[in-house]
Amino acid sequence: MDKKEGATMKNKVVPTIKLYDYLLVPIQIELDDNTVERLQMQILHEIHEKEVRGIIIDVSMVDVIDSYISFVLSETAGMAKAMGCYVVICGIQPQVALTLSQMGIKLKDIITAQSLEDAINILDKLE
């Protein structure tokens, strides 16, 4: 591992896994404004570096997605789309879905799935 790659690894907000042409982003931490912005940069950088055609963001461990976090995730999906990459969010918890709906928040440019398996199936069909 060279110094540049090592530096990139240190700056990761969450570990990611490349599976086929997809990048799995399992979020197992609570997101705040700063963290979600850093995650956005990490994802965009990894799209470019790893040449993936799909991103799966697993939020099954996330208890809170507020309006700003949903905005940044939607913005990230739009940027990824501009880079030729689809984004699927999976594992949205019922209380998070309820809150997003009650607040009138729409996840633009993002496809949603119930599970990781569903997300992979959706991405497979988009190609």
C-alpha atoms as a PDB file:
ATOM      1  CA  MET A   1       0.000   0.000   0.000  1.00  0.00           C
ATOM      2  CA  ASP A   2       1.530   3.331  -1.013  1.00  0.00           C
ATOM      3  CA  LYS A   3       1.414   6.527   1.067  1.00  0.00           C
ATOM      4  CA  LYS A   4      -1.362   8.091  -0.988  1.00  0.00           C
ATOM      5  CA  GLU A   5      -3.609   5.025  -0.604  1.00  0.00           C
ATOM      6  CA  GLY A   6      -2.812   4.851   3.107  1.00  0.00           C
ATOM      7  CA  ALA A   7      -3.758   8.507   3.565  1.00  0.00           C
ATOM      8  CA  THR A   8      -7.069   7.909   1.801  1.00  0.00           C
ATOM      9  CA  MET A   9      -7.799   4.902   4.016  1.00  0.00           C
ATOM     10  CA  LYS A  10      -7.201   6.981   7.177  1.00  0.00           C
ATOM     11  CA  ASN A  11      -9.688   9.632   6.074  1.00  0.00           C
ATOM     12  CA  LYS A  12     -12.553   7.192   5.586  1.00  0.00           C
ATOM     13  CA  VAL A  13     -15.713   7.934   7.499  1.00  0.00           C
ATOM     14  CA  VAL A  14     -16.887   4.343   7.122  1.00  0.00           C
ATOM     15  CA  PRO A  15     -15.206   1.265   5.673  1.00  0.00           C
ATOM     16  CA  THR A  16     -16.496   0.274   2.254  1.00  0.00           C
ATOM     17  CA  ILE A  17     -16.564  -2.995   0.365  1.00  0.00           C
ATOM     18  CA  LYS A  18     -16.254  -3.358  -3.399  1.00  0.00           C
ATOM     19  CA  LEU A  19     -18.470  -6.208  -4.613  1.00  0.00           C
ATOM     20  CA  TYR A  20     -18.428  -6.759  -8.375  1.00  0.00           C
ATOM     21  CA  ASP A  21     -19.098  -3.315  -9.880  1.00  0.00           C
ATOM     22  CA  TYR A  22     -20.746  -2.018  -6.716  1.00  0.00           C
ATOM     23  CA  LEU A  23     -19.512  -0.183  -3.660  1.00  0.00           C
ATOM     24  CA  LEU A  24     -21.198  -1.180  -0.404  1.00  0.00           C
ATOM     25  CA  VAL A  25     -21.284   1.596   2.184  1.00  0.00           C
ATOM     26  CA  PRO A  26     -22.527   0.181   5.501  1.00  0.00           C
ATOM     27  CA  ILE A  27     -23.156   3.081   7.866  1.00  0.00           C
ATOM     28  CA  GLN A  28     -22.844   1.892  11.446  1.00  0.00           C
ATOM     29  CA  ILE A  29     -22.322   5.275  13.080  1.00  0.00           C
ATOM     30  CA  GLU A  30     -24.640   8.146  13.885  1.00  0.00           C
ATOM     31  CA  LEU A  31     -24.535  10.791  11.191  1.00  0.00           C
ATOM     32  CA  ASP A  32     -24.182  14.494  11.888  1.00  0.00           C
ATOM     33  CA  ASP A  33     -23.732  17.364   9.425  1.00  0.00           C
ATOM     34  CA  ASN A  34     -19.930  17.184   9.348  1.00  0.00           C
ATOM     35  CA  THR A  35     -19.828  13.380   9.126  1.00  0.00           C
ATOM     36  CA  VAL A  36     -22.315  13.172   6.249  1.00  0.00           C
ATOM     37  CA  GLU A  37     -20.358  15.817   4.307  1.00  0.00           C
ATOM     38  CA  ARG A  38     -17.142  13.836   4.800  1.00  0.00           C
ATOM     39  CA  LEU A  39     -18.980  10.675   3.760  1.00  0.00           C
ATOM     40  CA  GLN A  40     -20.130  12.422   0.595  1.00  0.00           C
ATOM     41  CA  MET A  41     -16.539  13.261  -0.339  1.00  0.00           C
ATOM     42  CA  GLN A  42     -15.407   9.723   0.476  1.00  0.00           C
ATOM     43  CA  ILE A  43     -18.091   8.174  -1.750  1.00  0.00           C
ATOM     44  CA  LEU A  44     -17.354  10.476  -4.691  1.00  0.00           C
ATOM     45  CA  HIS A  45     -13.629   9.806  -4.364  1.00  0.00           C
ATOM     46  CA  GLU A  46     -14.199   6.042  -4.269  1.00  0.00           C
ATOM     47  CA  ILE A  47     -16.490   6.136  -7.326  1.00  0.00           C
ATOM     48  CA  HIS A  48     -13.616   7.681  -9.232  1.00  0.00           C
ATOM     49  CA  GLU A  49     -10.882   5.455  -7.765  1.00  0.00           C
ATOM     50  CA  LYS A  50     -12.676   2.104  -7.857  1.00  0.00           C
ATOM     51  CA  GLU A  51     -14.663   2.643 -11.077  1.00  0.00           C
ATOM     52  CA  VAL A  52     -17.957   1.358  -9.712  1.00  0.00           C
ATOM     53  CA  ARG A  53     -21.320   1.621 -11.437  1.00  0.00           C
ATOM     54  CA  GLY A  54     -23.486   1.356  -8.337  1.00  0.00           C
ATOM     55  CA  ILE A  55     -23.397   2.476  -4.713  1.00  0.00           C
ATOM     56  CA  ILE A  56     -25.394   0.746  -1.990  1.00  0.00           C
ATOM     57  CA  ILE A  57     -25.716   2.779   1.195  1.00  0.00           C
ATOM     58  CA  ASP A  58     -26.925   0.573   4.029  1.00  0.00           C
ATOM     59  CA  VAL A  59     -28.560   2.694   6.740  1.00  0.00           C
ATOM     60  CA  SER A  60     -30.103  -0.151   8.733  1.00  0.00           C
ATOM     61  CA  MET A  61     -28.058   0.852  11.803  1.00  0.00           C
ATOM     62  CA  VAL A  62     -28.921   4.572  11.524  1.00  0.00           C
ATOM     63  CA  ASP A  63     -31.593   5.806  13.934  1.00  0.00           C
ATOM     64  CA  VAL A  64     -31.838   9.416  12.716  1.00  0.00           C
ATOM     65  CA  ILE A  65     -31.812  10.914   9.231  1.00  0.00           C
ATOM     66  CA  ASP A  66     -32.718  14.596   9.445  1.00  0.00           C
ATOM     67  CA  SER A  67     -33.477  17.044   6.644  1.00  0.00           C
ATOM     68  CA  TYR A  68     -29.849  18.083   6.117  1.00  0.00           C
ATOM     69  CA  ILE A  69     -28.556  14.505   6.071  1.00  0.00           C
ATOM     70  CA  SER A  70     -31.262  13.519   3.571  1.00  0.00           C
ATOM     71  CA  PHE A  71     -30.354  16.579   1.453  1.00  0.00           C
ATOM     72  CA  VAL A  72     -26.657  15.608   1.405  1.00  0.00           C
ATOM     73  CA  LEU A  73     -27.481  11.976   0.568  1.00  0.00           C
ATOM     74  CA  SER A  74     -29.734  13.151  -2.296  1.00  0.00           C
ATOM     75  CA  GLU A  75     -27.041  15.559  -3.471  1.00  0.00           C
ATOM     76  CA  THR A  76     -24.491  12.727  -3.341  1.00  0.00           C
ATOM     77  CA  ALA A  77     -26.776  10.531  -5.454  1.00  0.00           C
ATOM     78  CA  GLY A  78     -27.119  13.308  -8.034  1.00  0.00           C
ATOM     79  CA  MET A  79     -23.349  13.755  -8.167  1.00  0.00           C
ATOM     80  CA  ALA A  80     -22.840   9.991  -8.444  1.00  0.00           C
ATOM     81  CA  LYS A  81     -25.383   9.884 -11.279  1.00  0.00           C
ATOM     82  CA  ALA A  82     -23.383  12.558 -13.088  1.00  0.00           C
ATOM     83  CA  MET A  83     -20.387  10.229 -12.713  1.00  0.00           C
ATOM     84  CA  GLY A  84     -22.351   7.332 -14.277  1.00  0.00           C
ATOM     85  CA  CYS A  85     -23.244   5.616 -11.023  1.00  0.00           C
ATOM     86  CA  TYR A  86     -26.603   4.702  -9.464  1.00  0.00           C
ATOM     87  CA  VAL A  87     -27.241   4.976  -5.716  1.00  0.00           C
ATOM     88  CA  VAL A  88     -29.526   2.683  -3.738  1.00  0.00           C
ATOM     89  CA  ILE A  89     -30.225   3.191  -0.040  1.00  0.00           C
ATOM     90  CA  CYS A  90     -31.306   0.094   1.829  1.00  0.00           C
ATOM     91  CA  GLY A  91     -32.436  -0.709   5.332  1.00  0.00           C
ATOM     92  CA  ILE A  92     -34.314   2.471   6.225  1.00  0.00           C
ATOM     93  CA  GLN A  93     -35.834   1.799   9.642  1.00  0.00           C
ATOM     94  CA  PRO A  94     -39.606   2.312  10.100  1.00  0.00           C
ATOM     95  CA  GLN A  95     -39.188   5.259  12.493  1.00  0.00           C
ATOM     96  CA  VAL A  96     -36.785   6.956  10.065  1.00  0.00           C
ATOM     97  CA  ALA A  97     -39.214   6.436   7.158  1.00  0.00           C
ATOM     98  CA  LEU A  98     -42.043   7.841   9.268  1.00  0.00           C
ATOM     99  CA  THR A  99     -40.021  10.915  10.238  1.00  0.00           C
ATOM    100  CA  LEU A 100     -38.911  11.576   6.654  1.00  0.00           C
ATOM    101  CA  SER A 101     -42.495  11.247   5.444  1.00  0.00           C
ATOM    102  CA  GLN A 102     -43.928  13.486   8.186  1.00  0.00           C
ATOM    103  CA  MET A 103     -41.314  16.132   7.407  1.00  0.00           C
ATOM    104  CA  GLY A 104     -42.160  15.924   3.688  1.00  0.00           C
ATOM    105  CA  ILE A 105     -38.584  14.978   2.817  1.00  0.00           C
ATOM    106  CA  LYS A 106     -38.031  13.392  -0.581  1.00  0.00           C
ATOM    107  CA  LEU A 107     -34.885  11.440  -1.395  1.00  0.00           C
ATOM    108  CA  LYS A 108     -34.165  12.710  -4.918  1.00  0.00           C
ATOM    109  CA  ASP A 109     -32.108  10.610  -7.345  1.00  0.00           C
ATOM    110  CA  ILE A 110     -32.040   7.790  -4.778  1.00  0.00           C
ATOM    111  CA  ILE A 111     -33.580   4.382  -5.256  1.00  0.00           C
ATOM    112  CA  THR A 112     -34.632   2.676  -2.034  1.00  0.00           C
ATOM    113  CA  ALA A 113     -34.641  -1.017  -1.177  1.00  0.00           C
ATOM    114  CA  GLN A 114     -35.635  -3.002   1.892  1.00  0.00           C
ATOM    115  CA  SER A 115     -32.480  -5.090   2.086  1.00  0.00           C
ATOM    116  CA  LEU A 116     -28.961  -5.417   0.743  1.00  0.00           C
ATOM    117  CA  GLU A 117     -30.087  -8.329  -1.432  1.00  0.00           C
ATOM    118  CA  ASP A 118     -32.916  -6.202  -2.898  1.00  0.00           C
ATOM    119  CA  ALA A 119     -30.462  -3.368  -3.560  1.00  0.00           C
ATOM    120  CA  ILE A 120     -28.115  -5.652  -5.501  1.00  0.00           C
ATOM    121  CA  ASN A 121     -31.035  -7.043  -7.518  1.00  0.00           C
ATOM    122  CA  ILE A 122     -32.189  -3.511  -8.368  1.00  0.00           C
ATOM    123  CA  LEU A 123     -28.707  -2.458  -9.517  1.00  0.00           C
ATOM    124  CA  ASP A 124     -28.364  -5.636 -11.609  1.00  0.00           C
ATOM    125  CA  LYS A 125     -31.571  -4.763 -13.448  1.00  0.00           C
ATOM    126  CA  LEU A 126     -30.523  -1.157 -14.152  1.00  0.00           C
ATOM    127  CA  GLU A 127     -27.616  -2.177 -16.356  1.00  0.00           C
END
